[in-house]
Amino acid sequence: MRPATRLKPSEAATLAPVARIAGEAVKMPAEVEQPTPNQFLEHIYTGAELEKIPPTSWLLKSKMPHGALVALYCEPGGGKSMAAIDFGISAALGESWWGEKLPACKVLYIAAERHAEVADRVRTNCKRRGVPVAKLGNFLLLASPAPPHISEHLDDLLDLAAKFAPDLVVFDTFSRMTLGIEENSTKDMGQVIENYLRVLRACGAKSSGLLIHHAGKDRTKGLRGSTALLGALDAVWRLDRREDKSLELVVEKINAADIPLPAYFTIEGVAMPDPETPGELRSVGVLVAKDYAQVASGIEGKLLAIMCELYEEGATLRKLWQAYNDEHPPTVKDAKGVSEATMRRALNRLRSAHPAAVEMFGGAQNSRYKPTAHALAQYQEAQANK
């Protein structure tokens, strides 16, 4: 600890305020020991100042807050890396994912194992999208780094994070990047988690992290490892393989929102050149969103679900509004439900962004809305396979 310094009155008078009490700057009196200024005292707020703290903002609404640490886990071989790659490429290109249009983001993908396979899947994913790999200027792959809990490697990673300043960091996989650490030790895992948070802070205030992890031996107990990890996470995503071989991505835990609707995917083989046999092709799997997954988010996704459940023959805006508040009442006591104006805007967004999901019929004074046959079939299939 740095020793305290006793200042002369003339020296103390020239100092800027070094402490804040209840949000107000306070000058320390002369002829007293001056504490070393630190950021801790900058985080004291009065009631009035609390109003100025911005609310939670989101990279993915109700799924991944800005500045958050999120885990994606499933059983070995369940498709978690494919999901992370698809998410990362969508973010880098500014495309829709899990029902939400993403802004174009910088993505740092840290492949701690099988980086050649990750690169192969990135190329395959781009081919299926019809996008040249060279267009992924915002996507940076860091191959086979040493575990970042080792100090010299952590320093290198912090420097890279600060220079590249990614909006999203993918750590694939968490277990490989914590080699030598007892994952059931609260003390050891606490320090490792703090290192990952340091990486995110080095990236910028809004950078979010996605940890790719495994399920435990007991599937009912969720992701593997110490409870210190679960306690540090802002959200947990679970990827499940269903009987029809499709995948369901659900939010298992979220601190700052209600649990959103799941997303549904299939694994599709794409023909790629075989590097070991010139002229031959091989099949490489990539994740492909099913149609319903494109709107299974927020008010719009819940609204579409209500149409499919209750009004496949159509309903007026007012009926949809009333049904929505019946199905999704406010979670805060005495709070009002979603307004009719909010419902109208959500319906317009749904029709604008996904015209193949909802159709409107009837006169201008009595317009009715219903799911298209295609959207209804997708919804019913998803429900049947739960």
Protein backbone atom coordinates (compact mmCIF):
# COMPACT_ATOMS: atom_id res chain seq x y z
CA MET A 1 0.00 0.00 0.00
CA ARG A 2 1.30 3.46 -0.90
CA PRO A 3 2.16 5.42 2.31
CA ALA A 4 -0.01 8.42 3.13
CA THR A 5 1.59 11.83 2.60
CA ARG A 6 1.24 14.78 4.97
CA LEU A 7 0.88 18.01 2.99
CA LYS A 8 1.57 21.59 3.94
CA PRO A 9 -1.44 23.93 4.00
CA SER A 10 -0.22 25.72 0.88
CA GLU A 11 0.06 22.41 -0.97
CA ALA A 12 -3.28 21.06 0.17
CA ALA A 13 -5.09 24.20 -0.94
CA THR A 14 -4.08 23.57 -4.56
CA LEU A 15 -5.49 20.03 -4.71
CA ALA A 16 -8.64 19.15 -6.63
CA PRO A 17 -11.36 17.43 -4.58
CA VAL A 18 -10.34 13.88 -3.81
CA ALA A 19 -13.49 12.48 -2.22
CA ARG A 20 -17.20 12.44 -2.85
CA ILE A 21 -19.81 12.06 -0.14
CA ALA A 22 -23.43 11.51 -1.21
CA GLY A 23 -22.46 12.67 -4.68
CA GLU A 24 -20.96 16.01 -3.59
CA ALA A 25 -17.28 16.86 -3.99
CA VAL A 26 -15.54 17.48 -0.67
CA LYS A 27 -12.11 19.04 -0.12
CA MET A 28 -10.07 17.39 2.57
CA PRO A 29 -8.92 19.77 5.31
CA ALA A 30 -5.30 20.87 5.36
CA GLU A 31 -2.75 19.35 7.69
CA VAL A 32 -4.36 15.87 7.53
CA GLU A 33 -3.22 12.71 5.86
CA GLN A 34 -4.51 12.62 2.29
CA PRO A 35 -5.81 9.24 1.05
CA THR A 36 -4.80 8.13 -2.41
CA PRO A 37 -7.65 9.08 -4.80
CA ASN A 38 -9.50 6.05 -6.07
CA GLN A 39 -12.54 5.25 -8.17
CA PHE A 40 -14.47 3.72 -5.30
CA LEU A 41 -15.52 7.13 -3.95
CA GLU A 42 -16.71 8.15 -7.41
CA HIS A 43 -19.57 5.66 -7.18
CA ILE A 44 -21.64 7.24 -4.42
CA TYR A 45 -24.96 8.68 -5.61
CA THR A 46 -27.68 10.73 -4.00
CA GLY A 47 -31.33 10.02 -4.75
CA ALA A 48 -31.35 12.76 -7.37
CA GLU A 49 -28.20 11.36 -9.00
CA LEU A 50 -29.74 7.89 -9.19
CA GLU A 51 -32.13 9.27 -11.81
CA LYS A 52 -29.13 10.03 -14.03
CA ILE A 53 -27.79 6.46 -14.05
CA PRO A 54 -28.84 5.03 -17.43
CA PRO A 55 -31.07 1.94 -17.44
CA THR A 56 -29.94 -1.45 -18.72
CA SER A 57 -29.17 -1.39 -22.43
CA TRP A 58 -29.03 -4.46 -24.64
CA LEU A 59 -26.97 -6.06 -27.36
CA LEU A 60 -29.82 -8.61 -27.64
CA LYS A 61 -33.06 -7.51 -25.98
CA SER A 62 -33.94 -9.64 -22.94
CA LYS A 63 -31.03 -11.98 -23.70
CA MET A 64 -27.66 -10.18 -23.50
CA PRO A 65 -27.20 -6.78 -21.82
CA HIS A 66 -24.35 -4.51 -22.82
CA GLY A 67 -21.34 -5.11 -20.59
CA ALA A 68 -22.68 -8.52 -19.53
CA LEU A 69 -21.08 -11.90 -19.08
CA VAL A 70 -23.33 -14.63 -20.53
CA ALA A 71 -22.82 -18.40 -20.69
CA LEU A 72 -24.03 -20.66 -23.51
CA TYR A 73 -23.93 -24.33 -22.59
CA CYS A 74 -25.14 -27.73 -23.72
CA GLU A 75 -24.02 -31.34 -23.71
CA PRO A 76 -20.78 -32.23 -25.54
CA GLY A 77 -21.28 -32.14 -29.30
CA GLY A 78 -24.60 -30.32 -28.91
CA GLY A 79 -23.83 -27.47 -31.33
CA LYS A 80 -22.78 -24.71 -28.92
CA SER A 81 -19.79 -23.57 -31.00
CA MET A 82 -21.94 -23.53 -34.16
CA ALA A 83 -24.45 -21.33 -32.34
CA ALA A 84 -21.69 -19.00 -31.12
CA ILE A 85 -20.18 -18.74 -34.61
CA ASP A 86 -23.57 -18.01 -36.17
CA PHE A 87 -24.25 -15.34 -33.53
CA GLY A 88 -20.79 -13.81 -33.99
CA ILE A 89 -21.06 -13.62 -37.78
CA SER A 90 -24.58 -12.16 -37.57
CA ALA A 91 -23.27 -9.51 -35.15
CA ALA A 92 -20.27 -8.71 -37.35
CA LEU A 93 -22.51 -8.31 -40.42
CA GLY A 94 -25.27 -6.43 -38.58
CA GLU A 95 -27.90 -9.08 -39.40
CA SER A 96 -30.88 -10.44 -37.45
CA TRP A 97 -30.35 -13.13 -34.84
CA TRP A 98 -32.82 -14.60 -32.35
CA GLY A 99 -35.54 -12.28 -33.58
CA GLU A 100 -33.60 -9.02 -33.38
CA LYS A 101 -31.73 -6.87 -35.90
CA LEU A 102 -28.20 -6.36 -34.60
CA PRO A 103 -26.06 -3.30 -35.22
CA ALA A 104 -22.81 -4.04 -37.03
CA CYS A 105 -20.44 -5.08 -34.23
CA LYS A 106 -16.78 -5.83 -33.74
CA VAL A 107 -16.41 -9.45 -32.67
CA LEU A 108 -13.40 -11.12 -31.04
CA TYR A 109 -13.71 -14.92 -31.17
CA ILE A 110 -11.16 -16.65 -28.91
CA ALA A 111 -10.81 -20.28 -29.98
CA ALA A 112 -8.91 -22.05 -27.23
CA GLU A 113 -9.28 -25.43 -28.95
CA ARG A 114 -9.81 -26.71 -32.49
CA HIS A 115 -9.29 -23.28 -34.02
CA ALA A 116 -8.93 -24.82 -37.50
CA GLU A 117 -12.43 -26.28 -37.10
CA VAL A 118 -13.76 -22.89 -36.00
CA ALA A 119 -12.20 -21.25 -39.06
CA ASP A 120 -13.70 -23.98 -41.26
CA ARG A 121 -17.17 -23.35 -39.83
CA VAL A 122 -16.77 -19.58 -40.28
CA ARG A 123 -15.95 -20.09 -43.98
CA THR A 124 -18.87 -22.52 -44.36
CA ASN A 125 -21.28 -20.16 -42.63
CA CYS A 126 -20.23 -17.35 -44.95
CA LYS A 127 -20.66 -19.56 -48.02
CA ARG A 128 -24.21 -20.48 -47.01
CA ARG A 129 -25.04 -16.78 -46.51
CA GLY A 130 -23.50 -15.89 -49.86
CA VAL A 131 -21.05 -13.56 -48.12
CA PRO A 132 -17.30 -13.50 -48.95
CA VAL A 133 -15.15 -14.28 -45.92
CA ALA A 134 -13.19 -11.10 -46.70
CA LYS A 135 -16.32 -9.12 -45.80
CA LEU A 136 -15.87 -10.14 -42.15
CA GLY A 137 -13.61 -7.20 -41.42
CA ASN A 138 -15.22 -6.83 -37.98
CA PHE A 139 -14.64 -10.49 -37.05
CA LEU A 140 -11.29 -11.32 -35.43
CA LEU A 141 -10.33 -14.94 -34.65
CA LEU A 142 -7.69 -15.46 -31.95
CA ALA A 143 -6.46 -19.04 -32.34
CA SER A 144 -5.22 -21.27 -29.52
CA PRO A 145 -4.30 -18.68 -26.88
CA ALA A 146 -2.74 -19.84 -23.63
CA PRO A 147 -5.08 -19.72 -20.63
CA PRO A 148 -5.63 -16.02 -19.84
CA HIS A 149 -5.50 -16.59 -16.08
CA ILE A 150 -1.69 -16.75 -16.47
CA SER A 151 -0.59 -13.18 -15.88
CA GLU A 152 1.67 -12.59 -18.91
CA HIS A 153 -0.97 -13.95 -21.30
CA LEU A 154 -3.70 -11.96 -19.61
CA ASP A 155 -1.70 -8.77 -20.16
CA ASP A 156 -1.41 -9.56 -23.88
CA LEU A 157 -5.14 -10.25 -24.10
CA LEU A 158 -5.94 -7.00 -22.29
CA ASP A 159 -3.78 -5.08 -24.78
CA LEU A 160 -5.52 -6.74 -27.73
CA ALA A 161 -8.93 -6.03 -26.22
CA ALA A 162 -8.11 -2.36 -25.72
CA LYS A 163 -6.76 -1.93 -29.27
CA PHE A 164 -9.47 -3.83 -31.15
CA ALA A 165 -12.29 -2.71 -28.78
CA PRO A 166 -14.79 -5.46 -29.71
CA ASP A 167 -18.48 -5.19 -28.87
CA LEU A 168 -18.71 -8.97 -28.39
CA VAL A 169 -16.08 -11.39 -27.08
CA VAL A 170 -16.64 -15.14 -27.44
CA PHE A 171 -14.59 -17.38 -25.10
CA ASP A 172 -14.64 -20.90 -26.64
CA THR A 173 -14.45 -22.98 -24.52
CA PHE A 174 -14.47 -21.89 -20.91
CA SER A 175 -13.13 -25.21 -19.60
CA ARG A 176 -10.20 -25.17 -22.03
CA MET A 177 -9.37 -21.57 -21.11
CA THR A 178 -9.20 -22.44 -17.40
CA LEU A 179 -6.67 -25.28 -17.60
CA GLY A 180 -4.96 -25.85 -14.29
CA ILE A 181 -7.80 -24.29 -12.32
CA GLU A 182 -10.04 -26.28 -9.99
CA GLU A 183 -13.42 -25.44 -11.50
CA ASN A 184 -15.32 -26.42 -8.35
CA SER A 185 -13.23 -24.08 -6.20
CA THR A 186 -15.06 -20.86 -5.42
CA LYS A 187 -11.78 -19.05 -4.72
CA ASP A 188 -10.03 -20.14 -7.92
CA MET A 189 -13.05 -19.57 -10.13
CA GLY A 190 -13.67 -16.16 -8.56
CA GLN A 191 -10.25 -14.96 -9.71
CA VAL A 192 -10.68 -16.45 -13.19
CA ILE A 193 -14.05 -14.74 -13.59
CA GLU A 194 -12.55 -11.43 -12.51
CA ASN A 195 -9.93 -11.81 -15.27
CA TYR A 196 -12.65 -12.29 -17.88
CA LEU A 197 -14.45 -9.23 -16.58
CA ARG A 198 -11.18 -7.30 -16.86
CA VAL A 199 -11.00 -8.30 -20.53
CA LEU A 200 -14.52 -6.96 -21.10
CA ARG A 201 -13.74 -3.71 -19.28
CA ALA A 202 -10.63 -3.29 -21.44
CA CYS A 203 -12.81 -3.64 -24.56
CA GLY A 204 -15.16 -0.82 -23.50
CA ALA A 205 -18.11 -0.15 -21.24
CA LYS A 206 -20.64 -1.83 -23.56
CA SER A 207 -18.63 -4.91 -24.54
CA SER A 208 -20.40 -8.20 -23.76
CA GLY A 209 -18.88 -11.64 -23.33
CA LEU A 210 -20.19 -15.09 -24.27
CA LEU A 211 -18.66 -18.06 -22.44
CA ILE A 212 -19.03 -21.40 -24.24
CA HIS A 213 -19.36 -24.08 -21.58
CA HIS A 214 -20.49 -27.66 -20.95
CA ALA A 215 -23.38 -29.13 -19.02
CA GLY A 216 -22.55 -30.99 -15.83
CA LYS A 217 -22.80 -34.74 -15.39
CA ASP A 218 -26.20 -34.20 -13.83
CA ARG A 219 -28.08 -32.45 -16.64
CA THR A 220 -30.71 -31.14 -14.22
CA LYS A 221 -28.12 -29.04 -12.37
CA GLY A 222 -27.27 -26.88 -15.38
CA LEU A 223 -23.83 -25.74 -16.45
CA ARG A 224 -20.72 -27.31 -14.97
CA GLY A 225 -18.53 -25.86 -12.25
CA SER A 226 -18.56 -23.71 -9.13
CA THR A 227 -21.59 -21.69 -8.10
CA ALA A 228 -19.24 -18.69 -8.25
CA LEU A 229 -19.54 -18.84 -12.04
CA LEU A 230 -23.33 -18.94 -12.04
CA GLY A 231 -23.45 -16.06 -9.56
CA ALA A 232 -21.22 -13.89 -11.77
CA LEU A 233 -23.23 -14.42 -14.95
CA ASP A 234 -25.81 -11.90 -16.11
CA ALA A 235 -27.58 -14.53 -18.22
CA VAL A 236 -27.39 -18.22 -19.06
CA TRP A 237 -28.42 -19.69 -22.43
CA ARG A 238 -29.09 -23.41 -22.81
CA LEU A 239 -29.04 -25.22 -26.14
CA ASP A 240 -31.15 -28.40 -26.30
CA ARG A 241 -31.31 -31.02 -29.03
CA ARG A 242 -34.91 -32.12 -29.64
CA GLU A 243 -36.30 -35.42 -30.86
CA ASP A 244 -36.52 -34.21 -34.47
CA LYS A 245 -32.77 -33.32 -34.33
CA SER A 246 -33.52 -29.58 -34.37
CA LEU A 247 -32.10 -27.30 -31.67
CA GLU A 248 -33.90 -25.09 -29.17
CA LEU A 249 -32.06 -22.14 -27.61
CA VAL A 250 -33.59 -20.88 -24.37
CA VAL A 251 -32.70 -18.27 -21.78
CA GLU A 252 -32.36 -20.22 -18.55
CA LYS A 253 -31.42 -17.19 -16.42
CA ILE A 254 -31.58 -13.43 -17.00
CA ASN A 255 -31.15 -10.79 -14.31
CA ALA A 256 -32.62 -7.72 -15.98
CA ALA A 257 -35.68 -8.93 -17.92
CA ASP A 258 -38.41 -11.52 -18.22
CA ILE A 259 -37.51 -14.84 -19.87
CA PRO A 260 -38.01 -14.37 -23.64
CA LEU A 261 -39.34 -16.89 -26.11
CA PRO A 262 -36.86 -19.52 -27.37
CA ALA A 263 -35.22 -19.66 -30.78
CA TYR A 264 -35.21 -22.74 -33.00
CA PHE A 265 -32.47 -23.94 -35.36
CA THR A 266 -31.54 -26.85 -37.57
CA ILE A 267 -28.10 -28.07 -38.62
CA GLU A 268 -27.63 -28.00 -42.37
CA GLY A 269 -24.76 -29.55 -44.31
CA VAL A 270 -22.95 -27.32 -46.80
CA ALA A 271 -20.69 -28.78 -49.51
CA MET A 272 -17.12 -27.52 -49.10
CA PRO A 273 -13.83 -28.47 -50.82
CA ASP A 274 -12.01 -31.37 -49.19
CA PRO A 275 -8.46 -30.17 -48.44
CA GLU A 276 -7.15 -33.75 -48.24
CA THR A 277 -8.66 -34.86 -51.56
CA PRO A 278 -8.43 -32.22 -54.32
CA GLY A 279 -11.55 -32.04 -56.44
CA GLU A 280 -13.68 -33.80 -53.84
CA LEU A 281 -16.34 -32.22 -51.61
CA ARG A 282 -17.25 -32.79 -47.98
CA SER A 283 -20.23 -31.73 -45.89
CA VAL A 284 -19.72 -29.19 -43.09
CA GLY A 285 -22.56 -28.43 -40.69
CA VAL A 286 -23.78 -24.91 -39.96
CA LEU A 287 -26.61 -23.63 -37.82
CA VAL A 288 -29.69 -22.36 -39.68
CA ALA A 289 -32.52 -20.45 -37.98
CA LYS A 290 -36.02 -21.84 -38.48
CA ASP A 291 -38.60 -19.32 -39.63
CA TYR A 292 -40.39 -18.91 -36.31
CA ALA A 293 -37.07 -18.12 -34.58
CA GLN A 294 -36.84 -14.92 -36.60
CA VAL A 295 -39.75 -13.35 -34.71
CA ALA A 296 -39.59 -15.22 -31.39
CA SER A 297 -38.50 -12.15 -29.45
CA GLY A 298 -40.01 -9.41 -27.30
CA ILE A 299 -43.57 -8.16 -27.68
CA GLU A 300 -43.62 -9.07 -31.36
CA GLY A 301 -42.82 -12.74 -30.70
CA LYS A 302 -45.35 -13.01 -27.87
CA LEU A 303 -47.95 -11.32 -30.05
CA LEU A 304 -47.39 -13.82 -32.85
CA ALA A 305 -47.67 -16.67 -30.33
CA ILE A 306 -51.04 -15.32 -29.15
CA MET A 307 -52.28 -15.18 -32.75
CA CYS A 308 -51.20 -18.77 -33.34
CA GLU A 309 -52.67 -19.99 -30.04
CA LEU A 310 -55.96 -18.08 -29.93
CA TYR A 311 -56.70 -16.31 -33.19
CA GLU A 312 -55.54 -18.35 -36.15
CA GLU A 313 -58.70 -17.14 -37.94
CA GLY A 314 -57.92 -13.51 -37.14
CA ALA A 315 -58.63 -10.84 -34.51
CA THR A 316 -58.86 -7.07 -34.23
CA LEU A 317 -56.08 -5.01 -32.69
CA ARG A 318 -58.20 -4.44 -29.57
CA LYS A 319 -58.75 -8.18 -29.06
CA LEU A 320 -55.05 -8.85 -29.51
CA TRP A 321 -54.22 -6.07 -27.05
CA GLN A 322 -56.61 -7.44 -24.42
CA ALA A 323 -55.37 -11.00 -24.91
CA TYR A 324 -51.75 -9.88 -24.60
CA ASN A 325 -52.31 -8.24 -21.22
CA ASP A 326 -54.26 -11.29 -20.03
CA GLU A 327 -51.42 -13.61 -21.05
CA HIS A 328 -48.59 -11.31 -19.92
CA PRO A 329 -49.75 -9.21 -16.94
CA PRO A 330 -47.29 -6.72 -15.40
CA THR A 331 -44.78 -8.28 -13.04
CA VAL A 332 -44.56 -5.15 -10.88
CA LYS A 333 -47.41 -4.48 -8.45
CA ASP A 334 -49.73 -1.63 -9.50
CA ALA A 335 -47.98 -1.27 -12.88
CA LYS A 336 -50.11 -0.84 -15.98
CA GLY A 337 -50.08 -3.34 -18.79
CA VAL A 338 -48.94 -2.73 -22.35
CA SER A 339 -50.92 0.14 -23.88
CA GLU A 340 -53.01 -0.19 -27.02
CA ALA A 341 -50.68 2.28 -28.77
CA THR A 342 -47.65 0.15 -27.87
CA MET A 343 -49.45 -2.93 -29.18
CA ARG A 344 -50.25 -1.14 -32.45
CA ARG A 345 -46.60 -0.19 -32.92
CA ALA A 346 -45.48 -3.76 -32.15
CA LEU A 347 -47.97 -5.13 -34.67
CA ASN A 348 -46.75 -2.68 -37.31
CA ARG A 349 -43.12 -3.66 -36.63
CA LEU A 350 -44.03 -7.32 -36.90
CA ARG A 351 -45.81 -6.84 -40.24
CA SER A 352 -43.02 -4.63 -41.58
CA ALA A 353 -40.10 -6.83 -40.58
CA HIS A 354 -41.80 -10.19 -41.17
CA PRO A 355 -44.51 -9.85 -43.85
CA ALA A 356 -44.49 -13.64 -44.33
CA ALA A 357 -45.61 -14.14 -40.72
CA VAL A 358 -48.77 -11.98 -40.42
CA GLU A 359 -51.51 -10.99 -42.84
CA MET A 360 -54.17 -8.29 -42.53
CA PHE A 361 -57.70 -8.45 -43.93
CA GLY A 362 -61.02 -6.63 -43.57
CA GLY A 363 -61.98 -2.99 -43.99
CA ALA A 364 -60.03 0.00 -42.72
CA GLN A 365 -62.41 0.46 -39.77
CA ASN A 366 -62.37 -3.18 -38.77
CA SER A 367 -58.97 -4.56 -39.77
CA ARG A 368 -58.17 -8.03 -38.55
CA TYR A 369 -54.84 -9.79 -38.27
CA LYS A 370 -53.90 -13.46 -38.34
CA PRO A 371 -50.78 -15.61 -38.72
CA THR A 372 -49.98 -16.86 -42.19
CA ALA A 373 -50.34 -20.58 -42.81
CA HIS A 374 -46.56 -20.85 -42.96
CA ALA A 375 -46.00 -19.10 -39.59
CA LEU A 376 -48.79 -21.11 -37.97
CA ALA A 377 -47.29 -24.41 -39.18
CA GLN A 378 -43.86 -23.41 -37.87
CA TYR A 379 -45.30 -22.43 -34.49
CA GLN A 380 -47.34 -25.61 -34.14
CA GLU A 381 -44.33 -27.74 -35.07
CA ALA A 382 -42.22 -25.97 -32.45
CA GLN A 383 -44.87 -26.55 -29.78
CA ALA A 384 -45.37 -30.19 -30.72
CA ASN A 385 -41.67 -30.93 -30.42
CA LYS A 386 -41.17 -29.30 -27.01
